[in-house]
Amino acid sequence: MANGPVTLGMMKVREAETGVRGSETKPDMSFLSHLAYGTAFAVLYAMTESRVKANPMVKGGVLGLGVWGLSRMGLIPSLKLPPAGASVGLSRDSQMALAHLVWGASISQAVSSLKERG
């Protein structure tokens, strides 16, 4: 759903930060794991979202911010991985939180549309 475009966006950001085009390098495991991680949470959301009675966009926003927060504050430090990006600070965290908010809303909208179709 939204994971492919998000991962491609990450590749473009990396190109801008490093000056190396994605076609010049092999896709690394961080991109593949990001795609798999996001897909797993999107599937989990689709399977469980009907249990929570709230506006779908709110649920999607919580999903996006939850996935980002869980990763940024828990998973990444516990695995002793460096945060993504050349400069990590409030501005970068704000950008990533907003990107994941949009991702969650996109997942929510896609799930709602698919469930309406039956």
N, C-alpha and C. Protein backbone atom coordinates (compact mmCIF):
# COMPACT_ATOMS: atom_id res chain seq x y z
N MET A 1 0.84 -1.18 0.00
CA MET A 1 0.00 0.00 0.00
C MET A 1 0.89 1.25 0.00
N ALA A 2 1.14 1.78 1.18
CA ALA A 2 1.93 3.02 1.27
C ALA A 2 3.39 2.75 1.53
N ASN A 3 3.74 1.51 1.80
CA ASN A 3 5.12 1.21 2.19
C ASN A 3 6.12 1.39 1.06
N GLY A 4 5.74 1.01 -0.14
CA GLY A 4 6.64 1.18 -1.28
C GLY A 4 7.01 2.63 -1.52
N PRO A 5 6.02 3.54 -1.62
CA PRO A 5 6.35 4.95 -1.81
C PRO A 5 7.16 5.55 -0.66
N VAL A 6 6.87 5.13 0.58
CA VAL A 6 7.64 5.64 1.72
C VAL A 6 9.09 5.19 1.62
N THR A 7 9.30 3.94 1.26
CA THR A 7 10.66 3.43 1.13
C THR A 7 11.39 4.12 -0.02
N LEU A 8 10.70 4.34 -1.12
CA LEU A 8 11.32 5.08 -2.23
C LEU A 8 11.66 6.51 -1.80
N GLY A 9 10.80 7.10 -1.01
CA GLY A 9 11.08 8.43 -0.48
C GLY A 9 12.33 8.44 0.39
N MET A 10 12.48 7.39 1.21
CA MET A 10 13.69 7.27 2.02
C MET A 10 14.93 7.21 1.14
N MET A 11 14.83 6.48 0.04
CA MET A 11 15.97 6.36 -0.86
C MET A 11 16.32 7.73 -1.45
N LYS A 12 15.31 8.54 -1.79
CA LYS A 12 15.55 9.87 -2.33
C LYS A 12 16.21 10.77 -1.29
N VAL A 13 15.77 10.66 -0.04
CA VAL A 13 16.39 11.45 1.03
C VAL A 13 17.85 11.04 1.20
N ARG A 14 18.11 9.74 1.16
CA ARG A 14 19.49 9.27 1.29
C ARG A 14 20.34 9.79 0.13
N GLU A 15 19.78 9.78 -1.08
CA GLU A 15 20.50 10.33 -2.24
C GLU A 15 20.86 11.79 -2.00
N ALA A 16 19.90 12.56 -1.48
CA ALA A 16 20.15 13.98 -1.24
C ALA A 16 21.21 14.19 -0.16
N GLU A 17 21.19 13.33 0.86
CA GLU A 17 22.14 13.47 1.96
C GLU A 17 23.55 13.02 1.59
N THR A 18 23.65 11.97 0.78
CA THR A 18 24.96 11.39 0.49
C THR A 18 25.50 11.76 -0.87
N GLY A 19 24.62 12.17 -1.78
CA GLY A 19 25.04 12.46 -3.15
C GLY A 19 25.19 11.21 -4.00
N VAL A 20 24.85 10.05 -3.47
CA VAL A 20 24.95 8.79 -4.20
C VAL A 20 23.56 8.38 -4.65
N ARG A 21 23.39 8.16 -5.94
CA ARG A 21 22.09 7.75 -6.49
C ARG A 21 21.80 6.32 -6.11
N GLY A 22 20.53 6.03 -5.85
CA GLY A 22 20.12 4.69 -5.45
C GLY A 22 20.47 3.63 -6.48
N SER A 23 20.46 4.01 -7.77
CA SER A 23 20.76 3.04 -8.82
C SER A 23 22.24 2.67 -8.83
N GLU A 24 23.07 3.48 -8.14
CA GLU A 24 24.50 3.20 -8.10
C GLU A 24 24.87 2.26 -6.96
N THR A 25 23.94 1.99 -6.09
CA THR A 25 24.20 1.12 -4.94
C THR A 25 23.16 0.01 -4.91
N LYS A 26 23.51 -1.08 -4.25
CA LYS A 26 22.53 -2.15 -4.04
C LYS A 26 21.58 -1.71 -2.93
N PRO A 27 20.31 -2.11 -3.04
CA PRO A 27 19.42 -1.78 -1.93
C PRO A 27 19.94 -2.47 -0.68
N ASP A 28 20.10 -1.73 0.40
CA ASP A 28 20.64 -2.36 1.59
C ASP A 28 19.52 -2.89 2.48
N MET A 29 19.92 -3.59 3.50
CA MET A 29 18.95 -4.25 4.37
C MET A 29 18.08 -3.25 5.13
N SER A 30 18.57 -2.03 5.35
CA SER A 30 17.74 -1.07 6.08
C SER A 30 16.47 -0.74 5.30
N PHE A 31 16.59 -0.61 3.98
CA PHE A 31 15.40 -0.32 3.18
C PHE A 31 14.47 -1.52 3.13
N LEU A 32 15.04 -2.70 2.95
CA LEU A 32 14.21 -3.90 2.89
C LEU A 32 13.53 -4.17 4.23
N SER A 33 14.27 -3.96 5.32
CA SER A 33 13.66 -4.19 6.63
C SER A 33 12.60 -3.13 6.93
N HIS A 34 12.83 -1.89 6.48
CA HIS A 34 11.83 -0.83 6.66
C HIS A 34 10.54 -1.20 5.94
N LEU A 35 10.66 -1.70 4.73
CA LEU A 35 9.50 -2.12 3.95
C LEU A 35 8.77 -3.26 4.64
N ALA A 36 9.51 -4.26 5.10
CA ALA A 36 8.90 -5.41 5.78
C ALA A 36 8.25 -5.00 7.10
N TYR A 37 8.92 -4.17 7.86
CA TYR A 37 8.42 -3.71 9.16
C TYR A 37 7.12 -2.94 8.98
N GLY A 38 7.10 -2.01 8.03
CA GLY A 38 5.90 -1.23 7.76
C GLY A 38 4.75 -2.09 7.26
N THR A 39 5.07 -3.04 6.40
CA THR A 39 4.05 -3.94 5.88
C THR A 39 3.45 -4.79 7.00
N ALA A 40 4.30 -5.28 7.90
CA ALA A 40 3.81 -6.10 9.01
C ALA A 40 2.85 -5.30 9.90
N PHE A 41 3.20 -4.06 10.20
CA PHE A 41 2.31 -3.23 11.02
C PHE A 41 1.03 -2.87 10.27
N ALA A 42 1.11 -2.67 8.97
CA ALA A 42 -0.09 -2.37 8.18
C ALA A 42 -1.05 -3.57 8.18
N VAL A 43 -0.51 -4.76 8.05
CA VAL A 43 -1.34 -5.97 8.08
C VAL A 43 -1.95 -6.15 9.47
N LEU A 44 -1.15 -5.95 10.51
CA LEU A 44 -1.66 -6.06 11.87
C LEU A 44 -2.78 -5.04 12.11
N TYR A 45 -2.59 -3.83 11.60
CA TYR A 45 -3.62 -2.80 11.71
C TYR A 45 -4.90 -3.24 11.00
N ALA A 46 -4.77 -3.75 9.78
CA ALA A 46 -5.95 -4.17 9.02
C ALA A 46 -6.72 -5.28 9.73
N MET A 47 -5.99 -6.14 10.43
CA MET A 47 -6.62 -7.26 11.13
C MET A 47 -7.30 -6.84 12.43
N THR A 48 -6.88 -5.72 13.02
CA THR A 48 -7.37 -5.37 14.36
C THR A 48 -8.11 -4.04 14.44
N GLU A 49 -8.09 -3.23 13.41
CA GLU A 49 -8.63 -1.87 13.52
C GLU A 49 -10.12 -1.83 13.83
N SER A 50 -10.87 -2.85 13.47
CA SER A 50 -12.32 -2.83 13.71
C SER A 50 -12.65 -2.95 15.20
N ARG A 51 -11.69 -3.35 16.01
CA ARG A 51 -11.93 -3.48 17.45
C ARG A 51 -11.95 -2.13 18.17
N VAL A 52 -11.41 -1.11 17.53
CA VAL A 52 -11.35 0.22 18.13
C VAL A 52 -12.36 1.11 17.42
N LYS A 53 -13.28 1.66 18.19
CA LYS A 53 -14.31 2.53 17.62
C LYS A 53 -13.81 3.97 17.67
N ALA A 54 -13.28 4.42 16.56
CA ALA A 54 -12.79 5.80 16.45
C ALA A 54 -12.74 6.15 14.97
N ASN A 55 -12.57 7.43 14.69
CA ASN A 55 -12.43 7.89 13.32
C ASN A 55 -11.23 7.17 12.69
N PRO A 56 -11.40 6.63 11.47
CA PRO A 56 -10.29 5.91 10.83
C PRO A 56 -9.01 6.73 10.68
N MET A 57 -9.14 8.03 10.42
CA MET A 57 -7.94 8.85 10.28
C MET A 57 -7.21 9.01 11.61
N VAL A 58 -7.98 9.08 12.69
CA VAL A 58 -7.37 9.15 14.02
C VAL A 58 -6.64 7.85 14.31
N LYS A 59 -7.31 6.72 14.02
CA LYS A 59 -6.67 5.42 14.24
C LYS A 59 -5.40 5.30 13.41
N GLY A 60 -5.45 5.75 12.17
CA GLY A 60 -4.28 5.70 11.30
C GLY A 60 -3.16 6.58 11.80
N GLY A 61 -3.52 7.77 12.29
CA GLY A 61 -2.51 8.67 12.85
C GLY A 61 -1.84 8.06 14.07
N VAL A 62 -2.63 7.44 14.92
CA VAL A 62 -2.07 6.76 16.09
C VAL A 62 -1.16 5.62 15.65
N LEU A 63 -1.57 4.89 14.63
CA LEU A 63 -0.72 3.82 14.09
C LEU A 63 0.63 4.38 13.65
N GLY A 64 0.59 5.41 12.82
CA GLY A 64 1.83 5.97 12.28
C GLY A 64 2.75 6.51 13.36
N LEU A 65 2.19 7.31 14.27
CA LEU A 65 3.01 7.86 15.35
C LEU A 65 3.47 6.77 16.31
N GLY A 66 2.62 5.77 16.51
CA GLY A 66 3.00 4.66 17.39
C GLY A 66 4.16 3.85 16.83
N VAL A 67 4.08 3.53 15.54
CA VAL A 67 5.15 2.77 14.90
C VAL A 67 6.45 3.57 14.94
N TRP A 68 6.37 4.86 14.61
CA TRP A 68 7.57 5.69 14.63
C TRP A 68 8.14 5.81 16.06
N GLY A 69 7.28 6.12 17.01
CA GLY A 69 7.73 6.28 18.40
C GLY A 69 8.31 5.00 18.98
N LEU A 70 7.65 3.90 18.72
CA LEU A 70 8.14 2.60 19.21
C LEU A 70 9.52 2.31 18.65
N SER A 71 9.70 2.59 17.38
CA SER A 71 10.99 2.34 16.74
C SER A 71 12.05 3.33 17.22
N ARG A 72 11.70 4.62 17.19
CA ARG A 72 12.67 5.68 17.50
C ARG A 72 13.10 5.66 18.96
N MET A 73 12.16 5.41 19.85
CA MET A 73 12.47 5.48 21.28
C MET A 73 12.77 4.11 21.90
N GLY A 74 12.39 3.03 21.21
CA GLY A 74 12.57 1.71 21.80
C GLY A 74 13.44 0.77 21.01
N LEU A 75 12.97 0.41 19.82
CA LEU A 75 13.66 -0.62 19.03
C LEU A 75 15.05 -0.20 18.59
N ILE A 76 15.18 0.97 18.01
CA ILE A 76 16.48 1.41 17.49
C ILE A 76 17.52 1.52 18.61
N PRO A 77 17.21 2.18 19.73
CA PRO A 77 18.21 2.23 20.81
C PRO A 77 18.52 0.85 21.42
N SER A 78 17.49 0.00 21.56
CA SER A 78 17.74 -1.31 22.17
C SER A 78 18.62 -2.19 21.29
N LEU A 79 18.57 -2.00 19.98
CA LEU A 79 19.43 -2.75 19.07
C LEU A 79 20.78 -2.05 18.85
N LYS A 80 20.94 -0.90 19.52
CA LYS A 80 22.17 -0.10 19.41
C LYS A 80 22.46 0.32 17.97
N LEU A 81 21.37 0.66 17.25
CA LEU A 81 21.49 1.14 15.88
C LEU A 81 21.54 2.66 15.87
N PRO A 82 22.30 3.24 14.95
CA PRO A 82 22.28 4.71 14.86
C PRO A 82 20.98 5.16 14.22
N PRO A 83 20.43 6.29 14.65
CA PRO A 83 19.22 6.81 14.01
C PRO A 83 19.50 7.13 12.54
N ALA A 84 18.48 7.00 11.70
CA ALA A 84 18.63 7.27 10.26
C ALA A 84 18.85 8.75 10.02
N GLY A 85 19.57 9.06 8.97
CA GLY A 85 19.75 10.45 8.57
C GLY A 85 21.07 11.02 9.03
N ALA A 86 21.53 12.01 8.30
CA ALA A 86 22.82 12.61 8.61
C ALA A 86 22.74 13.46 9.87
N SER A 87 21.67 14.20 10.04
CA SER A 87 21.53 15.05 11.23
C SER A 87 20.26 14.65 11.95
N VAL A 88 20.40 14.23 13.17
CA VAL A 88 19.24 13.83 13.94
C VAL A 88 19.03 14.87 15.03
N GLY A 89 17.89 15.43 15.04
CA GLY A 89 17.56 16.45 16.03
C GLY A 89 16.06 16.64 16.03
N LEU A 90 15.63 17.68 16.69
CA LEU A 90 14.19 17.94 16.78
C LEU A 90 13.57 18.11 15.40
N SER A 91 14.24 18.84 14.52
CA SER A 91 13.71 19.06 13.19
C SER A 91 13.55 17.74 12.45
N ARG A 92 14.57 16.90 12.48
CA ARG A 92 14.52 15.60 11.81
C ARG A 92 13.44 14.72 12.44
N ASP A 93 13.37 14.70 13.76
CA ASP A 93 12.33 13.91 14.43
C ASP A 93 10.94 14.41 14.05
N SER A 94 10.77 15.73 13.95
CA SER A 94 9.47 16.29 13.56
C SER A 94 9.10 15.85 12.15
N GLN A 95 10.07 15.87 11.25
CA GLN A 95 9.82 15.44 9.87
C GLN A 95 9.42 13.97 9.83
N MET A 96 10.13 13.16 10.58
CA MET A 96 9.84 11.72 10.57
C MET A 96 8.50 11.43 11.23
N ALA A 97 8.17 12.13 12.30
CA ALA A 97 6.86 11.95 12.94
C ALA A 97 5.74 12.32 11.97
N LEU A 98 5.91 13.43 11.27
CA LEU A 98 4.90 13.86 10.30
C LEU A 98 4.78 12.86 9.16
N ALA A 99 5.91 12.37 8.67
CA ALA A 99 5.87 11.37 7.59
C ALA A 99 5.15 10.10 8.03
N HIS A 100 5.36 9.69 9.26
CA HIS A 100 4.69 8.48 9.75
C HIS A 100 3.22 8.73 10.06
N LEU A 101 2.88 9.96 10.42
CA LEU A 101 1.48 10.32 10.60
C LEU A 101 0.74 10.19 9.27
N VAL A 102 1.34 10.69 8.22
CA VAL A 102 0.76 10.59 6.87
C VAL A 102 0.71 9.12 6.44
N TRP A 103 1.76 8.37 6.72
CA TRP A 103 1.78 6.93 6.37
C TRP A 103 0.61 6.22 7.06
N GLY A 104 0.43 6.46 8.36
CA GLY A 104 -0.65 5.81 9.09
C GLY A 104 -2.02 6.18 8.55
N ALA A 105 -2.20 7.45 8.23
CA ALA A 105 -3.48 7.89 7.65
C ALA A 105 -3.71 7.24 6.29
N SER A 106 -2.65 7.08 5.51
CA SER A 106 -2.77 6.41 4.20
C SER A 106 -3.15 4.95 4.36
N ILE A 107 -2.53 4.29 5.31
CA ILE A 107 -2.87 2.88 5.57
C ILE A 107 -4.33 2.78 6.00
N SER A 108 -4.75 3.66 6.90
CA SER A 108 -6.13 3.65 7.38
C SER A 108 -7.12 3.85 6.24
N GLN A 109 -6.82 4.81 5.39
CA GLN A 109 -7.72 5.08 4.25
C GLN A 109 -7.78 3.89 3.31
N ALA A 110 -6.65 3.27 3.04
CA ALA A 110 -6.61 2.11 2.15
C ALA A 110 -7.39 0.94 2.74
N VAL A 111 -7.21 0.70 4.05
CA VAL A 111 -7.93 -0.40 4.71
C VAL A 111 -9.42 -0.12 4.68
N SER A 112 -9.83 1.10 5.00
CA SER A 112 -11.26 1.45 4.95
C SER A 112 -11.85 1.24 3.57
N SER A 113 -11.15 1.68 2.55
CA SER A 113 -11.64 1.53 1.17
C SER A 113 -11.77 0.06 0.79
N LEU A 114 -10.78 -0.73 1.16
CA LEU A 114 -10.82 -2.16 0.81
C LEU A 114 -11.94 -2.88 1.55
N LYS A 115 -12.20 -2.52 2.80
CA LYS A 115 -13.26 -3.15 3.57
C LYS A 115 -14.64 -2.76 3.06
N GLU A 116 -14.76 -1.51 2.55
CA GLU A 116 -16.04 -1.09 1.97
C GLU A 116 -16.37 -1.88 0.70
N ARG A 117 -15.35 -2.23 -0.06
CA ARG A 117 -15.55 -3.01 -1.28
C ARG A 117 -15.97 -4.44 -0.98
N GLY A 118 -15.59 -4.90 0.19
CA GLY A 118 -15.95 -6.25 0.59
C GLY A 118 -14.94 -7.21 0.20
